[in-house]
Amino acid sequence: MVCVADFESWAGRQSPAELAEPFTYVVGLDGRLRLAPRRSEHVACAGGAAVLGAGEITFVREAGHWAVGEVSNQSTGYCPDVTSWPAVARALDGIPLRRPAAFTHEVVFRRCPACAEHNIVREADFVCVFCGGELPEAWNVCVDDADRSIRR
């Protein structure tokens, strides 16, 4: 999506029930926002390509205009770092859509150096739930299956 008209056209094709649910989103390497139903895989939404950001997003009407209600980096397909926010913000600003100042829900992803499993870090407990190994404090999930990754 590149402009408000694109977004309003897309929103007009969604049912009220769909608009009440979060949507899957990705920000492509071209900086554009792409949306799909919540149950869609982020990788499918991106056509299998690398992305600048990914997660879930909700939209609300405010004073007759569309705005972002909530937005997260929750994508187990890409496991984006919270530092992907600037790319998401630029994509939303480019439309433009009103948005929060940051992710409303941040998910911390890490790959375990010991067993290579992807983890969601909860309550700053940097311990692998699969093997008990220590997880790094810095983001290290560079998914690269068929060039499917988060670009920094």
C-alpha atoms as a PDB file:
ATOM      1  CA  MET A   1       0.000   0.000   0.000  1.00  0.00           C
ATOM      2  CA  VAL A   2       1.340   3.360  -0.929  1.00  0.00           C
ATOM      3  CA  CYS A   3      -1.457   5.810  -0.143  1.00  0.00           C
ATOM      4  CA  VAL A   4      -4.652   6.381   1.814  1.00  0.00           C
ATOM      5  CA  ALA A   5      -6.751   5.529  -1.260  1.00  0.00           C
ATOM      6  CA  ASP A   6      -5.055   2.099  -1.441  1.00  0.00           C
ATOM      7  CA  PHE A   7      -5.731   1.512   2.242  1.00  0.00           C
ATOM      8  CA  GLU A   8      -9.347   2.700   2.107  1.00  0.00           C
ATOM      9  CA  SER A   9     -10.005   0.511  -0.943  1.00  0.00           C
ATOM     10  CA  TRP A  10      -8.534  -2.492   0.877  1.00  0.00           C
ATOM     11  CA  ALA A  11     -10.446  -1.720   4.107  1.00  0.00           C
ATOM     12  CA  GLY A  12     -13.674  -1.372   2.127  1.00  0.00           C
ATOM     13  CA  ARG A  13     -13.292  -4.955   0.897  1.00  0.00           C
ATOM     14  CA  GLN A  14     -13.000  -6.325   4.450  1.00  0.00           C
ATOM     15  CA  SER A  15     -16.040  -7.432   6.441  1.00  0.00           C
ATOM     16  CA  PRO A  16     -16.776  -5.795   9.814  1.00  0.00           C
ATOM     17  CA  ALA A  17     -15.799  -9.093  11.482  1.00  0.00           C
ATOM     18  CA  GLU A  18     -12.443  -9.102   9.672  1.00  0.00           C
ATOM     19  CA  LEU A  19     -11.777  -5.467  10.570  1.00  0.00           C
ATOM     20  CA  ALA A  20     -12.372  -6.314  14.238  1.00  0.00           C
ATOM     21  CA  GLU A  21      -9.473  -8.820  14.150  1.00  0.00           C
ATOM     22  CA  PRO A  22      -5.729  -8.208  13.837  1.00  0.00           C
ATOM     23  CA  PHE A  23      -4.163  -8.599  10.395  1.00  0.00           C
ATOM     24  CA  THR A  24      -0.866 -10.141   9.406  1.00  0.00           C
ATOM     25  CA  TYR A  25       1.493  -7.525   7.963  1.00  0.00           C
ATOM     26  CA  VAL A  26       4.926  -7.341   6.438  1.00  0.00           C
ATOM     27  CA  VAL A  27       6.990  -4.406   5.244  1.00  0.00           C
ATOM     28  CA  GLY A  28       8.729  -5.398   2.024  1.00  0.00           C
ATOM     29  CA  LEU A  29      12.221  -4.331   1.024  1.00  0.00           C
ATOM     30  CA  ASP A  30      10.497  -1.649  -1.058  1.00  0.00           C
ATOM     31  CA  GLY A  31       9.173  -0.141   2.208  1.00  0.00           C
ATOM     32  CA  ARG A  32       5.541  -0.926   1.372  1.00  0.00           C
ATOM     33  CA  LEU A  33       3.032  -2.335   3.820  1.00  0.00           C
ATOM     34  CA  ARG A  34       1.404  -5.617   2.807  1.00  0.00           C
ATOM     35  CA  LEU A  35      -1.626  -7.000   4.662  1.00  0.00           C
ATOM     36  CA  ALA A  36      -3.280 -10.408   4.878  1.00  0.00           C
ATOM     37  CA  PRO A  37      -5.857 -12.061   7.133  1.00  0.00           C
ATOM     38  CA  ARG A  38      -4.547 -12.856  10.620  1.00  0.00           C
ATOM     39  CA  ARG A  39      -4.381 -16.588  10.017  1.00  0.00           C
ATOM     40  CA  SER A  40      -2.093 -16.034   7.024  1.00  0.00           C
ATOM     41  CA  GLU A  41       1.578 -16.826   7.309  1.00  0.00           C
ATOM     42  CA  HIS A  42       3.882 -13.809   7.214  1.00  0.00           C
ATOM     43  CA  VAL A  43       6.152 -15.562   4.731  1.00  0.00           C
ATOM     44  CA  ALA A  44       3.182 -16.081   2.375  1.00  0.00           C
ATOM     45  CA  CYS A  45       2.144 -12.428   2.817  1.00  0.00           C
ATOM     46  CA  ALA A  46       5.646 -11.439   1.686  1.00  0.00           C
ATOM     47  CA  GLY A  47       5.658 -13.895  -1.203  1.00  0.00           C
ATOM     48  CA  GLY A  48       8.587 -15.683   0.433  1.00  0.00           C
ATOM     49  CA  ALA A  49      10.818 -12.616   0.126  1.00  0.00           C
ATOM     50  CA  ALA A  50      12.996 -10.888   2.704  1.00  0.00           C
ATOM     51  CA  VAL A  51      11.291  -8.137   4.705  1.00  0.00           C
ATOM     52  CA  LEU A  52      12.100  -5.087   6.798  1.00  0.00           C
ATOM     53  CA  GLY A  53       9.417  -5.853   9.384  1.00  0.00           C
ATOM     54  CA  ALA A  54       6.563  -8.234  10.162  1.00  0.00           C
ATOM     55  CA  GLY A  55       3.898  -8.769  12.791  1.00  0.00           C
ATOM     56  CA  GLU A  56       0.232  -8.229  13.584  1.00  0.00           C
ATOM     57  CA  ILE A  57      -1.727  -4.983  13.312  1.00  0.00           C
ATOM     58  CA  THR A  58      -5.228  -3.676  14.065  1.00  0.00           C
ATOM     59  CA  PHE A  59      -6.984  -0.650  12.626  1.00  0.00           C
ATOM     60  CA  VAL A  60      -9.561   1.713  14.129  1.00  0.00           C
ATOM     61  CA  ARG A  61     -11.605   4.641  12.862  1.00  0.00           C
ATOM     62  CA  GLU A  62     -10.776   7.950  14.567  1.00  0.00           C
ATOM     63  CA  ALA A  63     -12.679  11.098  13.631  1.00  0.00           C
ATOM     64  CA  GLY A  64     -13.604   9.596  10.260  1.00  0.00           C
ATOM     65  CA  HIS A  65     -10.052   8.468   9.434  1.00  0.00           C
ATOM     66  CA  TRP A  66      -8.283   5.143   9.685  1.00  0.00           C
ATOM     67  CA  ALA A  67      -5.536   4.749  12.283  1.00  0.00           C
ATOM     68  CA  VAL A  68      -3.442   1.932  13.706  1.00  0.00           C
ATOM     69  CA  GLY A  69      -4.936   0.639  16.955  1.00  0.00           C
ATOM     70  CA  GLU A  70      -2.263  -1.873  17.905  1.00  0.00           C
ATOM     71  CA  VAL A  71       0.857  -3.161  16.189  1.00  0.00           C
ATOM     72  CA  SER A  72       3.380  -5.823  17.168  1.00  0.00           C
ATOM     73  CA  ASN A  73       6.424  -7.574  15.778  1.00  0.00           C
ATOM     74  CA  GLN A  74       4.831 -10.975  16.475  1.00  0.00           C
ATOM     75  CA  SER A  75       5.879 -13.132  13.532  1.00  0.00           C
ATOM     76  CA  THR A  76       7.277 -16.590  14.117  1.00  0.00           C
ATOM     77  CA  GLY A  77       8.019 -16.852  10.397  1.00  0.00           C
ATOM     78  CA  TYR A  78      10.505 -13.976  10.467  1.00  0.00           C
ATOM     79  CA  CYS A  79      11.172 -13.464  14.208  1.00  0.00           C
ATOM     80  CA  PRO A  80      11.867  -9.728  13.744  1.00  0.00           C
ATOM     81  CA  ASP A  81      13.709  -7.740  16.370  1.00  0.00           C
ATOM     82  CA  VAL A  82      12.014  -4.843  18.129  1.00  0.00           C
ATOM     83  CA  THR A  83      14.468  -2.609  16.245  1.00  0.00           C
ATOM     84  CA  SER A  84      12.377  -3.217  13.108  1.00  0.00           C
ATOM     85  CA  TRP A  85       9.957  -0.527  14.355  1.00  0.00           C
ATOM     86  CA  PRO A  86      11.439   2.358  12.287  1.00  0.00           C
ATOM     87  CA  ALA A  87      10.759   0.456   9.029  1.00  0.00           C
ATOM     88  CA  VAL A  88       7.183  -0.266  10.141  1.00  0.00           C
ATOM     89  CA  ALA A  89       6.689   3.379  11.163  1.00  0.00           C
ATOM     90  CA  ARG A  90       8.012   4.629   7.790  1.00  0.00           C
ATOM     91  CA  ALA A  91       5.618   2.318   5.920  1.00  0.00           C
ATOM     92  CA  LEU A  92       2.649   3.584   7.955  1.00  0.00           C
ATOM     93  CA  ASP A  93       3.758   7.224   7.660  1.00  0.00           C
ATOM     94  CA  GLY A  94       4.100   6.824   3.899  1.00  0.00           C
ATOM     95  CA  ILE A  95       0.401   5.969   3.486  1.00  0.00           C
ATOM     96  CA  PRO A  96      -0.139   8.000   5.879  1.00  0.00           C
ATOM     97  CA  LEU A  97      -1.937   6.330   8.785  1.00  0.00           C
ATOM     98  CA  ARG A  98      -1.917   7.605  12.368  1.00  0.00           C
ATOM     99  CA  ARG A  99       0.088   5.217  14.483  1.00  0.00           C
ATOM    100  CA  PRO A 100       1.511   4.668  17.961  1.00  0.00           C
ATOM    101  CA  ALA A 101       5.028   5.873  18.751  1.00  0.00           C
ATOM    102  CA  ALA A 102       6.319   2.288  19.017  1.00  0.00           C
ATOM    103  CA  PHE A 103       5.135  -1.308  18.955  1.00  0.00           C
ATOM    104  CA  THR A 104       2.191  -1.640  21.324  1.00  0.00           C
ATOM    105  CA  HIS A 105       3.285  -5.217  22.016  1.00  0.00           C
ATOM    106  CA  GLU A 106       6.961  -6.149  21.631  1.00  0.00           C
ATOM    107  CA  VAL A 107       8.083  -9.751  21.201  1.00  0.00           C
ATOM    108  CA  VAL A 108      11.732 -10.591  21.906  1.00  0.00           C
ATOM    109  CA  PHE A 109      13.006 -13.395  19.665  1.00  0.00           C
ATOM    110  CA  ARG A 110      16.336 -15.203  20.082  1.00  0.00           C
ATOM    111  CA  ARG A 111      17.965 -18.256  18.508  1.00  0.00           C
ATOM    112  CA  CYS A 112      19.673 -20.596  20.941  1.00  0.00           C
ATOM    113  CA  PRO A 113      23.387 -20.958  20.112  1.00  0.00           C
ATOM    114  CA  ALA A 114      23.403 -24.433  21.699  1.00  0.00           C
ATOM    115  CA  CYS A 115      20.435 -26.105  19.962  1.00  0.00           C
ATOM    116  CA  ALA A 116      19.559 -23.556  17.205  1.00  0.00           C
ATOM    117  CA  GLU A 117      15.870 -23.401  18.245  1.00  0.00           C
ATOM    118  CA  HIS A 118      14.001 -20.108  18.025  1.00  0.00           C
ATOM    119  CA  ASN A 119      12.707 -18.790  21.352  1.00  0.00           C
ATOM    120  CA  ILE A 120      10.386 -16.063  22.568  1.00  0.00           C
ATOM    121  CA  VAL A 121      12.008 -14.412  25.580  1.00  0.00           C
ATOM    122  CA  ARG A 122       9.517 -13.714  28.347  1.00  0.00           C
ATOM    123  CA  GLU A 123      10.110 -11.494  31.373  1.00  0.00           C
ATOM    124  CA  ALA A 124      13.775 -10.951  30.414  1.00  0.00           C
ATOM    125  CA  ASP A 125      14.532 -14.644  31.080  1.00  0.00           C
ATOM    126  CA  PHE A 126      17.186 -15.340  28.439  1.00  0.00           C
ATOM    127  CA  VAL A 127      17.136 -19.135  28.827  1.00  0.00           C
ATOM    128  CA  CYS A 128      16.261 -21.547  26.021  1.00  0.00           C
ATOM    129  CA  VAL A 129      12.972 -23.334  26.696  1.00  0.00           C
ATOM    130  CA  PHE A 130      14.182 -26.311  24.644  1.00  0.00           C
ATOM    131  CA  CYS A 131      17.625 -27.083  26.083  1.00  0.00           C
ATOM    132  CA  GLY A 132      18.132 -24.680  28.994  1.00  0.00           C
ATOM    133  CA  GLY A 133      21.035 -22.965  27.253  1.00  0.00           C
ATOM    134  CA  GLU A 134      21.747 -19.276  27.700  1.00  0.00           C
ATOM    135  CA  LEU A 135      20.273 -16.975  25.059  1.00  0.00           C
ATOM    136  CA  PRO A 136      22.171 -13.893  23.879  1.00  0.00           C
ATOM    137  CA  GLU A 137      20.873 -10.467  24.841  1.00  0.00           C
ATOM    138  CA  ALA A 138      21.379  -9.198  21.276  1.00  0.00           C
ATOM    139  CA  TRP A 139      19.014 -10.300  18.484  1.00  0.00           C
ATOM    140  CA  ASN A 140      20.517 -13.197  16.538  1.00  0.00           C
ATOM    141  CA  VAL A 141      17.656 -14.663  14.493  1.00  0.00           C
ATOM    142  CA  CYS A 142      18.776 -14.137  10.934  1.00  0.00           C
ATOM    143  CA  VAL A 143      16.353 -16.468   9.197  1.00  0.00           C
ATOM    144  CA  ASP A 144      17.800 -17.210   5.789  1.00  0.00           C
ATOM    145  CA  ASP A 145      15.785 -20.048   4.264  1.00  0.00           C
ATOM    146  CA  ALA A 146      15.594 -19.178   0.562  1.00  0.00           C
ATOM    147  CA  ASP A 147      16.600 -15.582   1.405  1.00  0.00           C
ATOM    148  CA  ARG A 148      13.640 -15.222   3.766  1.00  0.00           C
ATOM    149  CA  SER A 149      15.020 -12.840   6.353  1.00  0.00           C
ATOM    150  CA  ILE A 150      14.748  -9.590   8.185  1.00  0.00           C
ATOM    151  CA  ARG A 151      17.000  -6.940   6.695  1.00  0.00           C
ATOM    152  CA  ARG A 152      18.532  -4.345   8.961  1.00  0.00           C
END
